[in-house]
Amino acid sequence: MSDDFKDAVRRKGSFGQTMRAVGWSFFGVRKSADYEKDVGQLNPVHVVIAAVIGVAVFIGVLLVLVNWVLASGVAK
């Protein structure tokens, strides 16, 4: 592993911070100052894990929504 990656993995950003940053990025709403702060603080491994969790939750919500619409009889 390169030294840059090792340094990035040692960053002390919390997983909660990472989840918030990934959540805001799903909506595409992020100030550039906050983005720069996140780049310097967040652990890239946490970002990948948070993104996978976020995608799973998003797909789950979509599945529930589609099943609810189909069960309601609106989409006949």
PDB file of N, CA and C in Angstrom:
ATOM      1  N   MET A   1       0.841  -1.185   0.000  1.00  0.00           N
ATOM      2  CA  MET A   1       0.000   0.000   0.000  1.00  0.00           C
ATOM      3  C   MET A   1       0.881   1.241   0.000  1.00  0.00           C
ATOM      4  N   SER A   2       0.373   2.267  -0.627  1.00  0.00           N
ATOM      5  CA  SER A   2       1.130   3.507  -0.669  1.00  0.00           C
ATOM      6  C   SER A   2       0.972   4.255   0.647  1.00  0.00           C
ATOM      7  N   ASP A   3       1.898   5.151   0.916  1.00  0.00           N
ATOM      8  CA  ASP A   3       1.865   5.933   2.153  1.00  0.00           C
ATOM      9  C   ASP A   3       0.652   6.859   2.197  1.00  0.00           C
ATOM     10  N   ASP A   4       0.242   7.387   1.041  1.00  0.00           N
ATOM     11  CA  ASP A   4      -0.927   8.270   1.004  1.00  0.00           C
ATOM     12  C   ASP A   4      -2.188   7.530   1.436  1.00  0.00           C
ATOM     13  N   PHE A   5      -2.340   6.289   0.959  1.00  0.00           N
ATOM     14  CA  PHE A   5      -3.510   5.503   1.330  1.00  0.00           C
ATOM     15  C   PHE A   5      -3.474   5.141   2.809  1.00  0.00           C
ATOM     16  N   LYS A   6      -2.311   4.785   3.314  1.00  0.00           N
ATOM     17  CA  LYS A   6      -2.183   4.458   4.741  1.00  0.00           C
ATOM     18  C   LYS A   6      -2.541   5.660   5.607  1.00  0.00           C
ATOM     19  N   ASP A   7      -2.096   6.836   5.185  1.00  0.00           N
ATOM     20  CA  ASP A   7      -2.433   8.059   5.929  1.00  0.00           C
ATOM     21  C   ASP A   7      -3.929   8.335   5.878  1.00  0.00           C
ATOM     22  N   ALA A   8      -4.549   8.107   4.724  1.00  0.00           N
ATOM     23  CA  ALA A   8      -5.982   8.349   4.579  1.00  0.00           C
ATOM     24  C   ALA A   8      -6.788   7.400   5.459  1.00  0.00           C
ATOM     25  N   VAL A   9      -6.358   6.150   5.568  1.00  0.00           N
ATOM     26  CA  VAL A   9      -7.076   5.163   6.366  1.00  0.00           C
ATOM     27  C   VAL A   9      -6.953   5.485   7.854  1.00  0.00           C
ATOM     28  N   ARG A  10      -5.926   6.173   8.248  1.00  0.00           N
ATOM     29  CA  ARG A  10      -5.730   6.532   9.661  1.00  0.00           C
ATOM     30  C   ARG A  10      -6.510   7.773  10.089  1.00  0.00           C
ATOM     31  N   ARG A  11      -7.240   8.388   9.180  1.00  0.00           N
ATOM     32  CA  ARG A  11      -7.995   9.598   9.519  1.00  0.00           C
ATOM     33  C   ARG A  11      -9.018   9.291  10.597  1.00  0.00           C
ATOM     34  N   LYS A  12      -9.297  10.282  11.429  1.00  0.00           N
ATOM     35  CA  LYS A  12     -10.123  10.088  12.613  1.00  0.00           C
ATOM     36  C   LYS A  12     -11.580  10.507  12.445  1.00  0.00           C
ATOM     37  N   GLY A  13     -12.050  10.737  11.238  1.00  0.00           N
ATOM     38  CA  GLY A  13     -13.450  11.099  11.035  1.00  0.00           C
ATOM     39  C   GLY A  13     -14.359   9.980  11.531  1.00  0.00           C
ATOM     40  N   SER A  14     -15.443  10.339  12.214  1.00  0.00           N
ATOM     41  CA  SER A  14     -16.342   9.329  12.758  1.00  0.00           C
ATOM     42  C   SER A  14     -17.202   8.727  11.649  1.00  0.00           C
ATOM     43  N   PHE A  15     -17.765   7.560  11.947  1.00  0.00           N
ATOM     44  CA  PHE A  15     -18.627   6.904  10.966  1.00  0.00           C
ATOM     45  C   PHE A  15     -19.918   7.692  10.791  1.00  0.00           C
ATOM     46  N   GLY A  16     -20.378   8.356  11.849  1.00  0.00           N
ATOM     47  CA  GLY A  16     -21.567   9.204  11.749  1.00  0.00           C
ATOM     48  C   GLY A  16     -21.341  10.371  10.798  1.00  0.00           C
ATOM     49  N   GLN A  17     -20.183  10.993  10.889  1.00  0.00           N
ATOM     50  CA  GLN A  17     -19.819  12.073   9.963  1.00  0.00           C
ATOM     51  C   GLN A  17     -19.827  11.549   8.531  1.00  0.00           C
ATOM     52  N   THR A  18     -19.292  10.365   8.369  1.00  0.00           N
ATOM     53  CA  THR A  18     -19.213   9.765   7.036  1.00  0.00           C
ATOM     54  C   THR A  18     -20.606   9.491   6.487  1.00  0.00           C
ATOM     55  N   MET A  19     -21.510   8.951   7.325  1.00  0.00           N
ATOM     56  CA  MET A  19     -22.880   8.677   6.873  1.00  0.00           C
ATOM     57  C   MET A  19     -23.585   9.968   6.461  1.00  0.00           C
ATOM     58  N   ARG A  20     -23.383  11.042   7.235  1.00  0.00           N
ATOM     59  CA  ARG A  20     -23.989  12.330   6.872  1.00  0.00           C
ATOM     60  C   ARG A  20     -23.452  12.827   5.537  1.00  0.00           C
ATOM     61  N   ALA A  21     -22.145  12.747   5.349  1.00  0.00           N
ATOM     62  CA  ALA A  21     -21.538  13.219   4.099  1.00  0.00           C
ATOM     63  C   ALA A  21     -22.039  12.409   2.905  1.00  0.00           C
ATOM     64  N   VAL A  22     -22.134  11.100   3.062  1.00  0.00           N
ATOM     65  CA  VAL A  22     -22.622  10.252   1.972  1.00  0.00           C
ATOM     66  C   VAL A  22     -24.100  10.535   1.716  1.00  0.00           C
ATOM     67  N   GLY A  23     -24.876  10.729   2.775  1.00  0.00           N
ATOM     68  CA  GLY A  23     -26.292  11.052   2.617  1.00  0.00           C
ATOM     69  C   GLY A  23     -26.503  12.336   1.845  1.00  0.00           C
ATOM     70  N   TRP A  24     -25.758  13.379   2.198  1.00  0.00           N
ATOM     71  CA  TRP A  24     -25.864  14.642   1.469  1.00  0.00           C
ATOM     72  C   TRP A  24     -25.403  14.479   0.029  1.00  0.00           C
ATOM     73  N   SER A  25     -24.417  13.646  -0.197  1.00  0.00           N
ATOM     74  CA  SER A  25     -23.936  13.469  -1.572  1.00  0.00           C
ATOM     75  C   SER A  25     -24.963  12.738  -2.434  1.00  0.00           C
ATOM     76  N   PHE A  26     -25.809  11.882  -1.830  1.00  0.00           N
ATOM     77  CA  PHE A  26     -26.880  11.237  -2.590  1.00  0.00           C
ATOM     78  C   PHE A  26     -27.847  12.270  -3.139  1.00  0.00           C
ATOM     79  N   PHE A  27     -28.063  13.338  -2.386  1.00  0.00           N
ATOM     80  CA  PHE A  27     -28.954  14.397  -2.840  1.00  0.00           C
ATOM     81  C   PHE A  27     -28.238  15.407  -3.730  1.00  0.00           C
ATOM     82  N   GLY A  28     -26.923  15.371  -3.766  1.00  0.00           N
ATOM     83  CA  GLY A  28     -26.158  16.304  -4.576  1.00  0.00           C
ATOM     84  C   GLY A  28     -26.073  17.685  -3.972  1.00  0.00           C
ATOM     85  N   VAL A  29     -26.276  17.761  -2.661  1.00  0.00           N
ATOM     86  CA  VAL A  29     -26.267  19.057  -1.976  1.00  0.00           C
ATOM     87  C   VAL A  29     -25.081  19.053  -1.006  1.00  0.00           C
ATOM     88  N   ARG A  30     -24.057  19.785  -1.377  1.00  0.00           N
ATOM     89  CA  ARG A  30     -22.871  19.848  -0.520  1.00  0.00           C
ATOM     90  C   ARG A  30     -22.129  21.138  -0.807  1.00  0.00           C
ATOM     91  N   LYS A  31     -21.823  21.894   0.230  1.00  0.00           N
ATOM     92  CA  LYS A  31     -21.021  23.099   0.059  1.00  0.00           C
ATOM     93  C   LYS A  31     -19.582  22.688  -0.226  1.00  0.00           C
ATOM     94  N   SER A  32     -18.894  23.465  -1.036  1.00  0.00           N
ATOM     95  CA  SER A  32     -17.514  23.105  -1.371  1.00  0.00           C
ATOM     96  C   SER A  32     -16.615  23.159  -0.142  1.00  0.00           C
ATOM     97  N   ALA A  33     -16.904  24.062   0.789  1.00  0.00           N
ATOM     98  CA  ALA A  33     -16.102  24.131   2.011  1.00  0.00           C
ATOM     99  C   ALA A  33     -16.283  22.857   2.839  1.00  0.00           C
ATOM    100  N   ASP A  34     -17.524  22.363   2.926  1.00  0.00           N
ATOM    101  CA  ASP A  34     -17.777  21.121   3.654  1.00  0.00           C
ATOM    102  C   ASP A  34     -17.139  19.937   2.944  1.00  0.00           C
ATOM    103  N   TYR A  35     -17.179  19.941   1.621  1.00  0.00           N
ATOM    104  CA  TYR A  35     -16.551  18.882   0.846  1.00  0.00           C
ATOM    105  C   TYR A  35     -15.044  18.832   1.129  1.00  0.00           C
ATOM    106  N   GLU A  36     -14.404  19.986   1.088  1.00  0.00           N
ATOM    107  CA  GLU A  36     -12.957  20.043   1.357  1.00  0.00           C
ATOM    108  C   GLU A  36     -12.631  19.557   2.765  1.00  0.00           C
ATOM    109  N   LYS A  37     -13.480  19.930   3.715  1.00  0.00           N
ATOM    110  CA  LYS A  37     -13.290  19.478   5.102  1.00  0.00           C
ATOM    111  C   LYS A  37     -13.417  17.952   5.186  1.00  0.00           C
ATOM    112  N   ASP A  38     -14.426  17.409   4.492  1.00  0.00           N
ATOM    113  CA  ASP A  38     -14.630  15.962   4.504  1.00  0.00           C
ATOM    114  C   ASP A  38     -13.472  15.214   3.874  1.00  0.00           C
ATOM    115  N   VAL A  39     -12.959  15.742   2.788  1.00  0.00           N
ATOM    116  CA  VAL A  39     -11.841  15.084   2.105  1.00  0.00           C
ATOM    117  C   VAL A  39     -10.637  14.964   3.041  1.00  0.00           C
ATOM    118  N   GLY A  40     -10.445  15.947   3.881  1.00  0.00           N
ATOM    119  CA  GLY A  40      -9.315  15.912   4.797  1.00  0.00           C
ATOM    120  C   GLY A  40      -9.536  15.101   6.047  1.00  0.00           C
ATOM    121  N   GLN A  41     -10.802  14.806   6.401  1.00  0.00           N
ATOM    122  CA  GLN A  41     -11.086  14.141   7.671  1.00  0.00           C
ATOM    123  C   GLN A  41     -11.588  12.711   7.537  1.00  0.00           C
ATOM    124  N   LEU A  42     -12.357  12.419   6.506  1.00  0.00           N
ATOM    125  CA  LEU A  42     -13.040  11.133   6.446  1.00  0.00           C
ATOM    126  C   LEU A  42     -12.123  10.009   5.989  1.00  0.00           C
ATOM    127  N   ASN A  43     -12.360   8.855   6.580  1.00  0.00           N
ATOM    128  CA  ASN A  43     -11.629   7.643   6.238  1.00  0.00           C
ATOM    129  C   ASN A  43     -12.257   7.051   4.974  1.00  0.00           C
ATOM    130  N   PRO A  44     -11.475   6.807   3.928  1.00  0.00           N
ATOM    131  CA  PRO A  44     -12.047   6.305   2.670  1.00  0.00           C
ATOM    132  C   PRO A  44     -12.714   4.939   2.818  1.00  0.00           C
ATOM    133  N   VAL A  45     -12.248   4.116   3.737  1.00  0.00           N
ATOM    134  CA  VAL A  45     -12.884   2.816   3.966  1.00  0.00           C
ATOM    135  C   VAL A  45     -14.288   3.036   4.530  1.00  0.00           C
ATOM    136  N   HIS A  46     -14.424   3.986   5.453  1.00  0.00           N
ATOM    137  CA  HIS A  46     -15.740   4.313   5.999  1.00  0.00           C
ATOM    138  C   HIS A  46     -16.666   4.847   4.904  1.00  0.00           C
ATOM    139  N   VAL A  47     -16.117   5.622   3.987  1.00  0.00           N
ATOM    140  CA  VAL A  47     -16.928   6.183   2.902  1.00  0.00           C
ATOM    141  C   VAL A  47     -17.502   5.065   2.030  1.00  0.00           C
ATOM    142  N   VAL A  48     -16.690   4.076   1.708  1.00  0.00           N
ATOM    143  CA  VAL A  48     -17.152   2.963   0.875  1.00  0.00           C
ATOM    144  C   VAL A  48     -18.233   2.171   1.612  1.00  0.00           C
ATOM    145  N   ILE A  49     -18.011   1.884   2.890  1.00  0.00           N
ATOM    146  CA  ILE A  49     -18.990   1.139   3.682  1.00  0.00           C
ATOM    147  C   ILE A  49     -20.292   1.935   3.797  1.00  0.00           C
ATOM    148  N   ALA A  50     -20.191   3.225   4.074  1.00  0.00           N
ATOM    149  CA  ALA A  50     -21.377   4.077   4.199  1.00  0.00           C
ATOM    150  C   ALA A  50     -22.133   4.147   2.881  1.00  0.00           C
ATOM    151  N   ALA A  51     -21.420   4.200   1.761  1.00  0.00           N
ATOM    152  CA  ALA A  51     -22.074   4.249   0.450  1.00  0.00           C
ATOM    153  C   ALA A  51     -22.827   2.954   0.169  1.00  0.00           C
ATOM    154  N   VAL A  52     -22.250   1.820   0.512  1.00  0.00           N
ATOM    155  CA  VAL A  52     -22.926   0.531   0.310  1.00  0.00           C
ATOM    156  C   VAL A  52     -24.186   0.459   1.171  1.00  0.00           C
ATOM    157  N   ILE A  53     -24.090   0.904   2.425  1.00  0.00           N
ATOM    158  CA  ILE A  53     -25.255   0.932   3.318  1.00  0.00           C
ATOM    159  C   ILE A  53     -26.315   1.876   2.758  1.00  0.00           C
ATOM    160  N   GLY A  54     -25.892   3.051   2.299  1.00  0.00           N
ATOM    161  CA  GLY A  54     -26.827   4.017   1.737  1.00  0.00           C
ATOM    162  C   GLY A  54     -27.553   3.485   0.518  1.00  0.00           C
ATOM    163  N   VAL A  55     -26.842   2.808  -0.355  1.00  0.00           N
ATOM    164  CA  VAL A  55     -27.454   2.232  -1.556  1.00  0.00           C
ATOM    165  C   VAL A  55     -28.448   1.139  -1.167  1.00  0.00           C
ATOM    166  N   ALA A  56     -28.085   0.301  -0.194  1.00  0.00           N
ATOM    167  CA  ALA A  56     -28.985  -0.763   0.258  1.00  0.00           C
ATOM    168  C   ALA A  56     -30.272  -0.179   0.843  1.00  0.00           C
ATOM    169  N   VAL A  57     -30.147   0.878   1.647  1.00  0.00           N
ATOM    170  CA  VAL A  57     -31.330   1.525   2.221  1.00  0.00           C
ATOM    171  C   VAL A  57     -32.182   2.152   1.119  1.00  0.00           C
ATOM    172  N   PHE A  58     -31.545   2.808   0.173  1.00  0.00           N
ATOM    173  CA  PHE A  58     -32.259   3.434  -0.942  1.00  0.00           C
ATOM    174  C   PHE A  58     -33.046   2.397  -1.743  1.00  0.00           C
ATOM    175  N   ILE A  59     -32.417   1.281  -2.062  1.00  0.00           N
ATOM    176  CA  ILE A  59     -33.097   0.222  -2.812  1.00  0.00           C
ATOM    177  C   ILE A  59     -34.237  -0.356  -1.985  1.00  0.00           C
ATOM    178  N   GLY A  60     -34.021  -0.540  -0.690  1.00  0.00           N
ATOM    179  CA  GLY A  60     -35.076  -1.046   0.182  1.00  0.00           C
ATOM    180  C   GLY A  60     -36.278  -0.120   0.217  1.00  0.00           C
ATOM    181  N   VAL A  61     -36.029   1.182   0.316  1.00  0.00           N
ATOM    182  CA  VAL A  61     -37.125   2.162   0.318  1.00  0.00           C
ATOM    183  C   VAL A  61     -37.876   2.122  -1.009  1.00  0.00           C
ATOM    184  N   LEU A  62     -37.160   2.032  -2.107  1.00  0.00           N
ATOM    185  CA  LEU A  62     -37.818   1.947  -3.416  1.00  0.00           C
ATOM    186  C   LEU A  62     -38.677   0.693  -3.534  1.00  0.00           C
ATOM    187  N   LEU A  63     -38.174  -0.437  -3.063  1.00  0.00           N
ATOM    188  CA  LEU A  63     -38.947  -1.676  -3.116  1.00  0.00           C
ATOM    189  C   LEU A  63     -40.213  -1.578  -2.279  1.00  0.00           C
ATOM    190  N   VAL A  64     -40.110  -1.018  -1.084  1.00  0.00           N
ATOM    191  CA  VAL A  64     -41.283  -0.845  -0.222  1.00  0.00           C
ATOM    192  C   VAL A  64     -42.289   0.087  -0.893  1.00  0.00           C
ATOM    193  N   LEU A  65     -41.811   1.170  -1.466  1.00  0.00           N
ATOM    194  CA  LEU A  65     -42.695   2.124  -2.134  1.00  0.00           C
ATOM    195  C   LEU A  65     -43.413   1.489  -3.327  1.00  0.00           C
ATOM    196  N   VAL A  66     -42.707   0.754  -4.146  1.00  0.00           N
ATOM    197  CA  VAL A  66     -43.308   0.107  -5.309  1.00  0.00           C
ATOM    198  C   VAL A  66     -44.338  -0.932  -4.855  1.00  0.00           C
ATOM    199  N   ASN A  67     -43.993  -1.736  -3.858  1.00  0.00           N
ATOM    200  CA  ASN A  67     -44.950  -2.735  -3.370  1.00  0.00           C
ATOM    201  C   ASN A  67     -46.183  -2.080  -2.781  1.00  0.00           C
ATOM    202  N   TRP A  68     -46.025  -0.974  -2.103  1.00  0.00           N
ATOM    203  CA  TRP A  68     -47.161  -0.248  -1.523  1.00  0.00           C
ATOM    204  C   TRP A  68     -48.075   0.296  -2.625  1.00  0.00           C
ATOM    205  N   VAL A  69     -47.481   0.877  -3.667  1.00  0.00           N
ATOM    206  CA  VAL A  69     -48.278   1.406  -4.775  1.00  0.00           C
ATOM    207  C   VAL A  69     -49.019   0.279  -5.488  1.00  0.00           C
ATOM    208  N   LEU A  70     -48.326  -0.829  -5.730  1.00  0.00           N
ATOM    209  CA  LEU A  70     -48.978  -1.948  -6.418  1.00  0.00           C
ATOM    210  C   LEU A  70     -50.092  -2.559  -5.567  1.00  0.00           C
ATOM    211  N   ALA A  71     -49.887  -2.643  -4.263  1.00  0.00           N
ATOM    212  CA  ALA A  71     -50.899  -3.221  -3.372  1.00  0.00           C
ATOM    213  C   ALA A  71     -52.103  -2.302  -3.218  1.00  0.00           C
ATOM    214  N   SER A  72     -51.907  -1.005  -3.370  1.00  0.00           N
ATOM    215  CA  SER A  72     -53.011  -0.066  -3.202  1.00  0.00           C
ATOM    216  C   SER A  72     -53.988  -0.097  -4.381  1.00  0.00           C
ATOM    217  N   GLY A  73     -53.591  -0.689  -5.491  1.00  0.00           N
ATOM    218  CA  GLY A  73     -54.447  -0.786  -6.655  1.00  0.00           C
ATOM    219  C   GLY A  73     -54.413   0.433  -7.564  1.00  0.00           C
ATOM    220  N   VAL A  74     -53.575   1.390  -7.270  1.00  0.00           N
ATOM    221  CA  VAL A  74     -53.468   2.599  -8.088  1.00  0.00           C
ATOM    222  C   VAL A  74     -52.829   2.287  -9.439  1.00  0.00           C
ATOM    223  N   ALA A  75     -51.932   1.355  -9.469  1.00  0.00           N
ATOM    224  CA  ALA A  75     -51.163   1.069 -10.690  1.00  0.00           C
ATOM    225  C   ALA A  75     -51.723  -0.144 -11.421  1.00  0.00           C
ATOM    226  N   LYS A  76     -53.015  -0.141 -11.701  1.00  0.00           N
ATOM    227  CA  LYS A  76     -53.616  -1.287 -12.423  1.00  0.00           C
ATOM    228  C   LYS A  76     -53.444  -1.156 -13.901  1.00  0.00           C
TER     229      LYS A  76
END
